[in-house]
Amino acid sequence: MLEKCLKTINAFALVAVTETGIKGRIIMFNNILCPTDLKERALLALKKAVQIAHQFNSKIRMLNVHDEFINKQEREMLRVSFESLKETYAQVAIESRDQMRATIHNLHAEDIQVDYLLREGKPAKKIVEVAQKLSVDLIVMATDGRDSIKDFVTGTITEHVINNAPCPVLVIPYPINP
């Protein structure tokens, strides 16, 4: 009966059985953040976010963070023209947004309200910052794997988000042999 009621109100229940009885609370996922690097493994997470959004009538905020943009000090050290970089950054932003929109279209998810967010900075920190600023209810992201020695020393983006996010984080594993 409880399960039927929860489906009716489009909610997710966290239930814990304790010595004193059953305790639980109902969670509504109205605002979902789905960080993406536009790679195949991020598509798995987006598919799950779309599924959850359909179930809970949620809004999705797709976030694409670019850490390859260089700041003013780095530009000065490299003696790079700001105007040429500005054009390159604008083109990358347009292509990223178009790619995010195409992905939503390919998933037949146009019925979901989606905001496309582009940010500059370190992905791990920006994901947490955006989640806090937008008061998201859930972050859905893919594992990013340990691609380098640096990941073993400093940890992965996913680890940072799990440890610092202001909300639950649903991590979608990437199959070893896709």
N, C-alpha and C. Protein backbone atom coordinates (compact mmCIF):
# COMPACT_ATOMS: atom_id res chain seq x y z
N MET A 1 0.81 -1.19 0.00
CA MET A 1 0.00 0.00 0.00
C MET A 1 0.86 1.26 0.00
N LEU A 2 1.92 1.29 0.84
CA LEU A 2 2.81 2.45 0.91
C LEU A 2 3.44 2.71 -0.46
N GLU A 3 3.89 1.64 -1.11
CA GLU A 3 4.52 1.78 -2.42
C GLU A 3 3.55 2.41 -3.42
N LYS A 4 2.29 1.98 -3.40
CA LYS A 4 1.29 2.53 -4.30
C LYS A 4 1.06 4.01 -4.02
N CYS A 5 1.00 4.39 -2.75
CA CYS A 5 0.82 5.79 -2.38
C CYS A 5 1.99 6.64 -2.86
N LEU A 6 3.20 6.11 -2.70
CA LEU A 6 4.38 6.87 -3.11
C LEU A 6 4.38 7.08 -4.61
N LYS A 7 3.98 6.08 -5.38
CA LYS A 7 3.92 6.25 -6.83
C LYS A 7 2.89 7.30 -7.20
N THR A 8 1.81 7.33 -6.44
CA THR A 8 0.75 8.28 -6.72
C THR A 8 1.23 9.72 -6.51
N ILE A 9 2.01 9.96 -5.47
CA ILE A 9 2.46 11.33 -5.21
C ILE A 9 3.83 11.61 -5.80
N ASN A 10 4.36 10.66 -6.59
CA ASN A 10 5.65 10.85 -7.24
C ASN A 10 6.74 11.24 -6.25
N ALA A 11 6.95 10.41 -5.28
CA ALA A 11 7.96 10.68 -4.27
C ALA A 11 8.82 9.44 -4.08
N PHE A 12 9.92 9.64 -3.44
CA PHE A 12 10.83 8.56 -3.10
C PHE A 12 10.95 8.54 -1.60
N ALA A 13 10.84 7.36 -1.02
CA ALA A 13 10.89 7.28 0.44
C ALA A 13 12.20 6.65 0.89
N LEU A 14 12.82 7.27 1.85
CA LEU A 14 13.96 6.67 2.52
C LEU A 14 13.41 6.07 3.81
N VAL A 15 13.54 4.77 3.92
CA VAL A 15 12.97 4.08 5.07
C VAL A 15 14.09 3.36 5.81
N ALA A 16 14.11 3.50 7.11
CA ALA A 16 15.10 2.81 7.95
C ALA A 16 14.35 2.03 9.02
N VAL A 17 14.76 0.78 9.20
CA VAL A 17 14.17 -0.04 10.25
C VAL A 17 15.11 0.05 11.45
N THR A 18 14.59 0.54 12.56
CA THR A 18 15.38 0.69 13.77
C THR A 18 14.79 -0.19 14.86
N GLU A 19 15.44 -0.22 16.00
CA GLU A 19 14.95 -1.02 17.13
C GLU A 19 13.58 -0.54 17.60
N THR A 20 13.31 0.73 17.43
CA THR A 20 12.04 1.29 17.90
C THR A 20 10.96 1.28 16.83
N GLY A 21 11.27 0.79 15.65
CA GLY A 21 10.26 0.71 14.60
C GLY A 21 10.77 1.23 13.28
N ILE A 22 9.85 1.50 12.38
CA ILE A 22 10.19 1.97 11.04
C ILE A 22 10.14 3.49 11.03
N LYS A 23 11.21 4.06 10.55
CA LYS A 23 11.27 5.51 10.42
C LYS A 23 11.58 5.82 8.96
N GLY A 24 11.02 6.86 8.47
CA GLY A 24 11.28 7.21 7.08
C GLY A 24 10.89 8.63 6.78
N ARG A 25 11.26 9.04 5.61
CA ARG A 25 10.85 10.36 5.15
C ARG A 25 10.68 10.30 3.64
N ILE A 26 9.86 11.16 3.14
CA ILE A 26 9.58 11.20 1.71
C ILE A 26 10.41 12.31 1.09
N ILE A 27 11.03 11.98 -0.02
CA ILE A 27 11.89 12.95 -0.72
C ILE A 27 11.29 13.21 -2.10
N MET A 28 11.21 14.45 -2.45
CA MET A 28 10.76 14.83 -3.78
C MET A 28 11.98 15.32 -4.56
N PHE A 29 12.19 14.77 -5.72
CA PHE A 29 13.30 15.20 -6.56
C PHE A 29 12.74 16.14 -7.62
N ASN A 30 12.60 17.40 -7.27
CA ASN A 30 12.06 18.39 -8.20
C ASN A 30 13.13 19.02 -9.07
N ASN A 31 14.34 19.02 -8.58
CA ASN A 31 15.42 19.77 -9.23
C ASN A 31 16.66 18.86 -9.29
N ILE A 32 16.96 18.34 -10.48
CA ILE A 32 18.05 17.38 -10.66
C ILE A 32 19.20 18.04 -11.40
N LEU A 33 20.40 17.88 -10.87
CA LEU A 33 21.60 18.35 -11.54
C LEU A 33 22.29 17.16 -12.18
N CYS A 34 22.59 17.29 -13.46
CA CYS A 34 23.27 16.21 -14.17
C CYS A 34 24.52 16.78 -14.86
N PRO A 35 25.67 16.66 -14.19
CA PRO A 35 26.91 17.14 -14.81
C PRO A 35 27.28 16.25 -15.99
N THR A 36 27.81 16.84 -17.03
CA THR A 36 28.19 16.06 -18.20
C THR A 36 29.46 16.61 -18.83
N ASP A 37 30.30 15.68 -19.26
CA ASP A 37 31.47 16.07 -20.05
C ASP A 37 31.23 15.75 -21.52
N LEU A 38 29.99 15.35 -21.83
CA LEU A 38 29.54 15.03 -23.18
C LEU A 38 30.20 13.77 -23.74
N LYS A 39 30.68 12.91 -22.86
CA LYS A 39 31.26 11.63 -23.28
C LYS A 39 30.24 10.53 -23.05
N GLU A 40 30.57 9.34 -23.54
CA GLU A 40 29.64 8.21 -23.48
C GLU A 40 29.21 7.86 -22.07
N ARG A 41 30.13 7.88 -21.13
CA ARG A 41 29.76 7.50 -19.76
C ARG A 41 28.79 8.50 -19.14
N ALA A 42 28.89 9.76 -19.50
CA ALA A 42 27.96 10.76 -18.98
C ALA A 42 26.56 10.57 -19.55
N LEU A 43 26.48 9.98 -20.74
CA LEU A 43 25.18 9.71 -21.35
C LEU A 43 24.38 8.71 -20.50
N LEU A 44 25.06 7.75 -19.89
CA LEU A 44 24.38 6.79 -19.01
C LEU A 44 23.72 7.50 -17.84
N ALA A 45 24.41 8.46 -17.27
CA ALA A 45 23.86 9.22 -16.15
C ALA A 45 22.68 10.09 -16.62
N LEU A 46 22.81 10.68 -17.78
CA LEU A 46 21.73 11.52 -18.29
C LEU A 46 20.48 10.69 -18.55
N LYS A 47 20.65 9.48 -19.07
CA LYS A 47 19.50 8.60 -19.28
C LYS A 47 18.78 8.34 -17.96
N LYS A 48 19.54 8.09 -16.91
CA LYS A 48 18.94 7.84 -15.59
C LYS A 48 18.26 9.12 -15.08
N ALA A 49 18.89 10.27 -15.28
CA ALA A 49 18.29 11.54 -14.85
C ALA A 49 16.96 11.78 -15.57
N VAL A 50 16.92 11.47 -16.85
CA VAL A 50 15.69 11.62 -17.63
C VAL A 50 14.61 10.68 -17.08
N GLN A 51 15.00 9.46 -16.79
CA GLN A 51 14.06 8.49 -16.23
C GLN A 51 13.48 9.01 -14.90
N ILE A 52 14.33 9.50 -14.03
CA ILE A 52 13.88 10.04 -12.74
C ILE A 52 13.01 11.28 -12.95
N ALA A 53 13.41 12.14 -13.88
CA ALA A 53 12.64 13.35 -14.15
C ALA A 53 11.24 13.01 -14.65
N HIS A 54 11.13 11.99 -15.48
CA HIS A 54 9.79 11.56 -15.93
C HIS A 54 8.97 11.03 -14.75
N GLN A 55 9.61 10.28 -13.88
CA GLN A 55 8.91 9.69 -12.75
C GLN A 55 8.44 10.74 -11.75
N PHE A 56 9.26 11.75 -11.49
CA PHE A 56 8.97 12.73 -10.47
C PHE A 56 8.52 14.09 -11.02
N ASN A 57 8.39 14.17 -12.34
CA ASN A 57 8.02 15.43 -12.98
C ASN A 57 9.02 16.53 -12.58
N SER A 58 10.29 16.19 -12.72
CA SER A 58 11.38 17.06 -12.27
C SER A 58 11.94 17.92 -13.40
N LYS A 59 12.69 18.90 -12.97
CA LYS A 59 13.45 19.75 -13.88
C LYS A 59 14.90 19.25 -13.86
N ILE A 60 15.54 19.20 -15.02
CA ILE A 60 16.94 18.79 -15.10
C ILE A 60 17.80 20.01 -15.43
N ARG A 61 18.90 20.10 -14.74
CA ARG A 61 19.89 21.13 -15.06
C ARG A 61 21.14 20.40 -15.52
N MET A 62 21.39 20.46 -16.81
CA MET A 62 22.61 19.84 -17.36
C MET A 62 23.75 20.83 -17.20
N LEU A 63 24.83 20.36 -16.64
CA LEU A 63 25.98 21.22 -16.37
C LEU A 63 27.20 20.71 -17.10
N ASN A 64 27.80 21.58 -17.88
CA ASN A 64 29.04 21.26 -18.58
C ASN A 64 30.09 22.26 -18.12
N VAL A 65 31.15 21.73 -17.52
CA VAL A 65 32.21 22.59 -16.96
C VAL A 65 33.46 22.44 -17.82
N HIS A 66 34.03 23.56 -18.20
CA HIS A 66 35.26 23.57 -18.99
C HIS A 66 36.41 24.07 -18.14
N ASP A 67 37.35 23.21 -17.89
CA ASP A 67 38.52 23.65 -17.12
C ASP A 67 39.69 24.00 -18.03
N GLU A 68 39.50 23.84 -19.33
CA GLU A 68 40.61 24.20 -20.22
C GLU A 68 40.68 25.69 -20.51
N PHE A 69 39.66 26.44 -20.13
CA PHE A 69 39.72 27.88 -20.29
C PHE A 69 40.79 28.41 -19.33
N ILE A 70 41.57 29.34 -19.81
CA ILE A 70 42.64 29.86 -18.96
C ILE A 70 42.26 31.23 -18.41
N ASN A 71 42.76 31.51 -17.23
CA ASN A 71 42.41 32.78 -16.60
C ASN A 71 43.34 33.90 -17.09
N LYS A 72 43.09 35.11 -16.60
CA LYS A 72 43.83 36.29 -17.06
C LYS A 72 45.33 36.16 -16.81
N GLN A 73 45.71 35.67 -15.62
CA GLN A 73 47.14 35.53 -15.32
C GLN A 73 47.82 34.54 -16.27
N GLU A 74 47.14 33.44 -16.55
CA GLU A 74 47.71 32.45 -17.47
C GLU A 74 47.84 33.02 -18.88
N ARG A 75 46.85 33.80 -19.31
CA ARG A 75 46.91 34.43 -20.64
C ARG A 75 48.11 35.36 -20.73
N GLU A 76 48.31 36.16 -19.67
CA GLU A 76 49.43 37.10 -19.68
C GLU A 76 50.76 36.38 -19.72
N MET A 77 50.86 35.27 -18.98
CA MET A 77 52.11 34.50 -18.99
C MET A 77 52.38 33.89 -20.36
N LEU A 78 51.32 33.47 -21.04
CA LEU A 78 51.49 32.85 -22.36
C LEU A 78 51.48 33.88 -23.48
N ARG A 79 51.18 35.13 -23.12
CA ARG A 79 51.08 36.22 -24.10
C ARG A 79 50.13 35.88 -25.23
N VAL A 80 48.94 35.41 -24.82
CA VAL A 80 47.92 35.01 -25.78
C VAL A 80 46.92 36.15 -25.91
N SER A 81 46.49 36.40 -27.13
CA SER A 81 45.51 37.45 -27.39
C SER A 81 44.16 37.09 -26.78
N PHE A 82 43.61 38.02 -26.02
CA PHE A 82 42.31 37.79 -25.39
C PHE A 82 41.22 37.63 -26.43
N GLU A 83 41.30 38.43 -27.48
CA GLU A 83 40.25 38.38 -28.52
C GLU A 83 40.20 37.02 -29.21
N SER A 84 41.36 36.44 -29.51
CA SER A 84 41.36 35.13 -30.17
C SER A 84 40.84 34.05 -29.23
N LEU A 85 41.20 34.16 -27.94
CA LEU A 85 40.69 33.20 -26.97
C LEU A 85 39.19 33.37 -26.76
N LYS A 86 38.74 34.60 -26.74
CA LYS A 86 37.33 34.88 -26.53
C LYS A 86 36.48 34.22 -27.63
N GLU A 87 36.95 34.32 -28.86
CA GLU A 87 36.24 33.68 -29.98
C GLU A 87 36.24 32.16 -29.83
N THR A 88 37.37 31.61 -29.44
CA THR A 88 37.48 30.16 -29.26
C THR A 88 36.55 29.70 -28.14
N TYR A 89 36.54 30.39 -27.02
CA TYR A 89 35.68 30.04 -25.89
C TYR A 89 34.21 30.12 -26.28
N ALA A 90 33.85 31.16 -27.01
CA ALA A 90 32.46 31.33 -27.45
C ALA A 90 32.04 30.16 -28.34
N GLN A 91 32.92 29.75 -29.23
CA GLN A 91 32.62 28.63 -30.12
C GLN A 91 32.48 27.32 -29.35
N VAL A 92 33.35 27.10 -28.39
CA VAL A 92 33.28 25.89 -27.55
C VAL A 92 31.97 25.88 -26.77
N ALA A 93 31.57 27.02 -26.24
CA ALA A 93 30.33 27.12 -25.47
C ALA A 93 29.12 26.82 -26.35
N ILE A 94 29.10 27.38 -27.54
CA ILE A 94 27.98 27.14 -28.46
C ILE A 94 27.90 25.67 -28.84
N GLU A 95 29.05 25.07 -29.15
CA GLU A 95 29.08 23.65 -29.53
C GLU A 95 28.63 22.76 -28.36
N SER A 96 29.06 23.09 -27.15
CA SER A 96 28.67 22.31 -25.98
C SER A 96 27.17 22.38 -25.74
N ARG A 97 26.63 23.57 -25.80
CA ARG A 97 25.18 23.74 -25.59
C ARG A 97 24.39 23.00 -26.68
N ASP A 98 24.84 23.11 -27.93
CA ASP A 98 24.16 22.40 -29.02
C ASP A 98 24.22 20.89 -28.82
N GLN A 99 25.36 20.41 -28.36
CA GLN A 99 25.52 18.98 -28.12
C GLN A 99 24.60 18.51 -26.97
N MET A 100 24.47 19.32 -25.92
CA MET A 100 23.57 18.97 -24.82
C MET A 100 22.12 18.92 -25.31
N ARG A 101 21.72 19.90 -26.09
CA ARG A 101 20.36 19.93 -26.63
C ARG A 101 20.10 18.73 -27.53
N ALA A 102 21.07 18.39 -28.37
CA ALA A 102 20.92 17.24 -29.26
C ALA A 102 20.79 15.95 -28.47
N THR A 103 21.52 15.83 -27.37
CA THR A 103 21.44 14.64 -26.54
C THR A 103 20.05 14.49 -25.93
N ILE A 104 19.49 15.58 -25.43
CA ILE A 104 18.13 15.54 -24.87
C ILE A 104 17.14 15.16 -25.98
N HIS A 105 17.31 15.71 -27.16
CA HIS A 105 16.44 15.37 -28.30
C HIS A 105 16.55 13.88 -28.64
N ASN A 106 17.77 13.36 -28.68
CA ASN A 106 17.98 11.94 -29.01
C ASN A 106 17.38 11.01 -27.96
N LEU A 107 17.26 11.48 -26.73
CA LEU A 107 16.65 10.69 -25.66
C LEU A 107 15.13 10.87 -25.62
N HIS A 108 14.58 11.65 -26.57
CA HIS A 108 13.14 11.92 -26.63
C HIS A 108 12.64 12.50 -25.31
N ALA A 109 13.38 13.45 -24.79
CA ALA A 109 13.06 14.03 -23.49
C ALA A 109 12.70 15.50 -23.59
N GLU A 110 12.16 15.91 -24.73
CA GLU A 110 11.80 17.31 -24.90
C GLU A 110 10.66 17.74 -23.98
N ASP A 111 9.92 16.77 -23.41
CA ASP A 111 8.83 17.09 -22.51
C ASP A 111 9.31 17.49 -21.12
N ILE A 112 10.59 17.32 -20.87
CA ILE A 112 11.18 17.68 -19.57
C ILE A 112 11.76 19.08 -19.67
N GLN A 113 11.56 19.87 -18.63
CA GLN A 113 12.18 21.19 -18.60
C GLN A 113 13.67 21.01 -18.30
N VAL A 114 14.52 21.48 -19.21
CA VAL A 114 15.96 21.33 -19.07
C VAL A 114 16.63 22.69 -19.19
N ASP A 115 17.49 22.99 -18.22
CA ASP A 115 18.34 24.18 -18.30
C ASP A 115 19.73 23.71 -18.69
N TYR A 116 20.36 24.40 -19.60
CA TYR A 116 21.70 24.04 -20.06
C TYR A 116 22.68 25.04 -19.46
N LEU A 117 23.53 24.56 -18.58
CA LEU A 117 24.46 25.43 -17.87
C LEU A 117 25.89 25.16 -18.32
N LEU A 118 26.61 26.22 -18.61
CA LEU A 118 28.02 26.13 -18.97
C LEU A 118 28.81 26.93 -17.95
N ARG A 119 29.84 26.32 -17.41
CA ARG A 119 30.66 27.00 -16.41
C ARG A 119 32.13 26.78 -16.72
N GLU A 120 32.93 27.66 -16.16
CA GLU A 120 34.38 27.59 -16.31
C GLU A 120 34.97 27.28 -14.94
N GLY A 121 35.95 26.39 -14.91
CA GLY A 121 36.61 26.07 -13.65
C GLY A 121 36.91 24.60 -13.52
N LYS A 122 37.24 24.22 -12.31
CA LYS A 122 37.52 22.82 -12.01
C LYS A 122 36.18 22.10 -11.82
N PRO A 123 35.92 21.04 -12.61
CA PRO A 123 34.62 20.38 -12.56
C PRO A 123 34.18 19.96 -11.16
N ALA A 124 35.04 19.35 -10.39
CA ALA A 124 34.65 18.85 -9.06
C ALA A 124 34.10 19.98 -8.19
N LYS A 125 34.80 21.10 -8.17
CA LYS A 125 34.37 22.23 -7.34
C LYS A 125 33.13 22.91 -7.91
N LYS A 126 33.08 23.07 -9.22
CA LYS A 126 31.95 23.76 -9.84
C LYS A 126 30.65 22.98 -9.68
N ILE A 127 30.71 21.65 -9.78
CA ILE A 127 29.51 20.84 -9.62
C ILE A 127 28.91 21.07 -8.23
N VAL A 128 29.75 21.03 -7.21
CA VAL A 128 29.28 21.24 -5.84
C VAL A 128 28.76 22.68 -5.67
N GLU A 129 29.47 23.66 -6.20
CA GLU A 129 29.04 25.06 -6.11
C GLU A 129 27.67 25.27 -6.75
N VAL A 130 27.49 24.72 -7.95
CA VAL A 130 26.23 24.88 -8.66
C VAL A 130 25.11 24.17 -7.90
N ALA A 131 25.39 22.99 -7.38
CA ALA A 131 24.38 22.26 -6.60
C ALA A 131 23.93 23.07 -5.39
N GLN A 132 24.87 23.72 -4.72
CA GLN A 132 24.53 24.55 -3.56
C GLN A 132 23.74 25.78 -3.98
N LYS A 133 24.21 26.45 -5.00
CA LYS A 133 23.59 27.70 -5.44
C LYS A 133 22.16 27.48 -5.94
N LEU A 134 21.93 26.37 -6.64
CA LEU A 134 20.62 26.11 -7.22
C LEU A 134 19.72 25.27 -6.31
N SER A 135 20.23 24.91 -5.15
CA SER A 135 19.46 24.09 -4.19
C SER A 135 18.87 22.84 -4.85
N VAL A 136 19.72 22.08 -5.53
CA VAL A 136 19.23 20.88 -6.20
C VAL A 136 18.89 19.80 -5.18
N ASP A 137 17.99 18.92 -5.57
CA ASP A 137 17.54 17.83 -4.70
C ASP A 137 18.33 16.55 -4.92
N LEU A 138 18.95 16.43 -6.09
CA LEU A 138 19.67 15.22 -6.45
C LEU A 138 20.69 15.53 -7.53
N ILE A 139 21.86 14.92 -7.41
CA ILE A 139 22.86 14.98 -8.48
C ILE A 139 22.95 13.58 -9.06
N VAL A 140 22.83 13.49 -10.37
CA VAL A 140 22.98 12.21 -11.07
C VAL A 140 24.19 12.34 -11.96
N MET A 141 25.20 11.50 -11.71
CA MET A 141 26.43 11.59 -12.49
C MET A 141 27.03 10.21 -12.69
N ALA A 142 27.87 10.11 -13.68
CA ALA A 142 28.56 8.85 -13.97
C ALA A 142 29.88 8.80 -13.23
N THR A 143 30.37 7.59 -13.06
CA THR A 143 31.72 7.47 -12.51
C THR A 143 32.67 8.03 -13.55
N ASP A 144 33.70 8.70 -13.10
CA ASP A 144 34.66 9.25 -14.05
C ASP A 144 35.91 8.40 -14.13
N GLY A 145 36.02 7.40 -13.30
CA GLY A 145 37.16 6.48 -13.39
C GLY A 145 38.45 7.10 -12.91
N ARG A 146 39.41 6.27 -12.74
CA ARG A 146 40.75 6.73 -12.38
C ARG A 146 41.60 6.63 -13.63
N ASP A 147 41.72 7.76 -14.30
CA ASP A 147 42.41 7.79 -15.59
C ASP A 147 43.89 8.12 -15.49
N SER A 148 44.33 8.54 -14.33
CA SER A 148 45.73 8.95 -14.22
C SER A 148 46.24 8.73 -12.80
N ILE A 149 47.54 8.85 -12.65
CA ILE A 149 48.15 8.75 -11.32
C ILE A 149 47.59 9.84 -10.42
N LYS A 150 47.35 11.02 -11.00
CA LYS A 150 46.81 12.15 -10.23
C LYS A 150 45.49 11.76 -9.55
N ASP A 151 44.64 10.99 -10.25
CA ASP A 151 43.36 10.58 -9.67
C ASP A 151 43.55 9.70 -8.44
N PHE A 152 44.59 8.88 -8.43
CA PHE A 152 44.85 8.04 -7.27
C PHE A 152 45.33 8.87 -6.08
N VAL A 153 46.01 9.96 -6.37
CA VAL A 153 46.54 10.80 -5.30
C VAL A 153 45.49 11.79 -4.80
N THR A 154 44.85 12.50 -5.71
CA THR A 154 43.91 13.56 -5.32
C THR A 154 42.45 13.13 -5.32
N GLY A 155 42.16 11.98 -5.90
CA GLY A 155 40.77 11.52 -5.98
C GLY A 155 40.12 11.98 -7.27
N THR A 156 38.98 11.39 -7.57
CA THR A 156 38.28 11.71 -8.81
C THR A 156 37.25 12.80 -8.58
N ILE A 157 36.70 13.29 -9.67
CA ILE A 157 35.64 14.29 -9.60
C ILE A 157 34.45 13.71 -8.84
N THR A 158 34.09 12.47 -9.16
CA THR A 158 32.95 11.82 -8.51
C THR A 158 33.15 11.74 -7.00
N GLU A 159 34.34 11.35 -6.57
CA GLU A 159 34.63 11.26 -5.13
C GLU A 159 34.45 12.62 -4.45
N HIS A 160 34.97 13.66 -5.09
CA HIS A 160 34.85 15.01 -4.51
C HIS A 160 33.37 15.41 -4.37
N VAL A 161 32.59 15.14 -5.41
CA VAL A 161 31.18 15.51 -5.38
C VAL A 161 30.45 14.73 -4.29
N ILE A 162 30.68 13.42 -4.21
CA ILE A 162 30.03 12.59 -3.18
C ILE A 162 30.34 13.13 -1.79
N ASN A 163 31.58 13.49 -1.56
CA ASN A 163 32.00 13.93 -0.23
C ASN A 163 31.61 15.37 0.12
N ASN A 164 31.25 16.18 -0.87
CA ASN A 164 30.99 17.59 -0.61
C ASN A 164 29.62 18.09 -1.05
N ALA A 165 28.85 17.28 -1.70
CA ALA A 165 27.55 17.72 -2.23
C ALA A 165 26.56 18.01 -1.10
N PRO A 166 25.69 19.00 -1.32
CA PRO A 166 24.69 19.34 -0.31
C PRO A 166 23.42 18.49 -0.41
N CYS A 167 23.43 17.49 -1.28
CA CYS A 167 22.25 16.66 -1.53
C CYS A 167 22.70 15.24 -1.88
N PRO A 168 21.75 14.31 -2.01
CA PRO A 168 22.14 12.96 -2.42
C PRO A 168 22.77 12.96 -3.82
N VAL A 169 23.69 12.02 -4.02
CA VAL A 169 24.36 11.86 -5.31
C VAL A 169 24.12 10.43 -5.78
N LEU A 170 23.52 10.30 -6.94
CA LEU A 170 23.32 8.99 -7.56
C LEU A 170 24.42 8.81 -8.59
N VAL A 171 25.26 7.82 -8.36
CA VAL A 171 26.40 7.57 -9.25
C VAL A 171 26.08 6.36 -10.12
N ILE A 172 26.15 6.57 -11.42
CA ILE A 172 25.88 5.52 -12.38
C ILE A 172 27.23 4.94 -12.83
N PRO A 173 27.46 3.64 -12.56
CA PRO A 173 28.75 3.05 -12.94
C PRO A 173 28.86 2.88 -14.44
N TYR A 174 30.05 3.01 -14.92
CA TYR A 174 30.32 2.79 -16.34
C TYR A 174 30.81 1.37 -16.49
N PRO A 175 30.18 0.58 -17.35
CA PRO A 175 30.61 -0.81 -17.48
C PRO A 175 32.05 -0.90 -18.00
N ILE A 176 32.79 -1.87 -17.47
CA ILE A 176 34.19 -2.06 -17.88
C ILE A 176 34.27 -2.40 -19.36
N ASN A 177 33.39 -3.27 -19.81
CA ASN A 177 33.33 -3.65 -21.23
C ASN A 177 31.99 -3.21 -21.79
N PRO A 178 31.88 -1.94 -22.22
CA PRO A 178 30.58 -1.42 -22.67
C PRO A 178 30.05 -2.13 -23.91
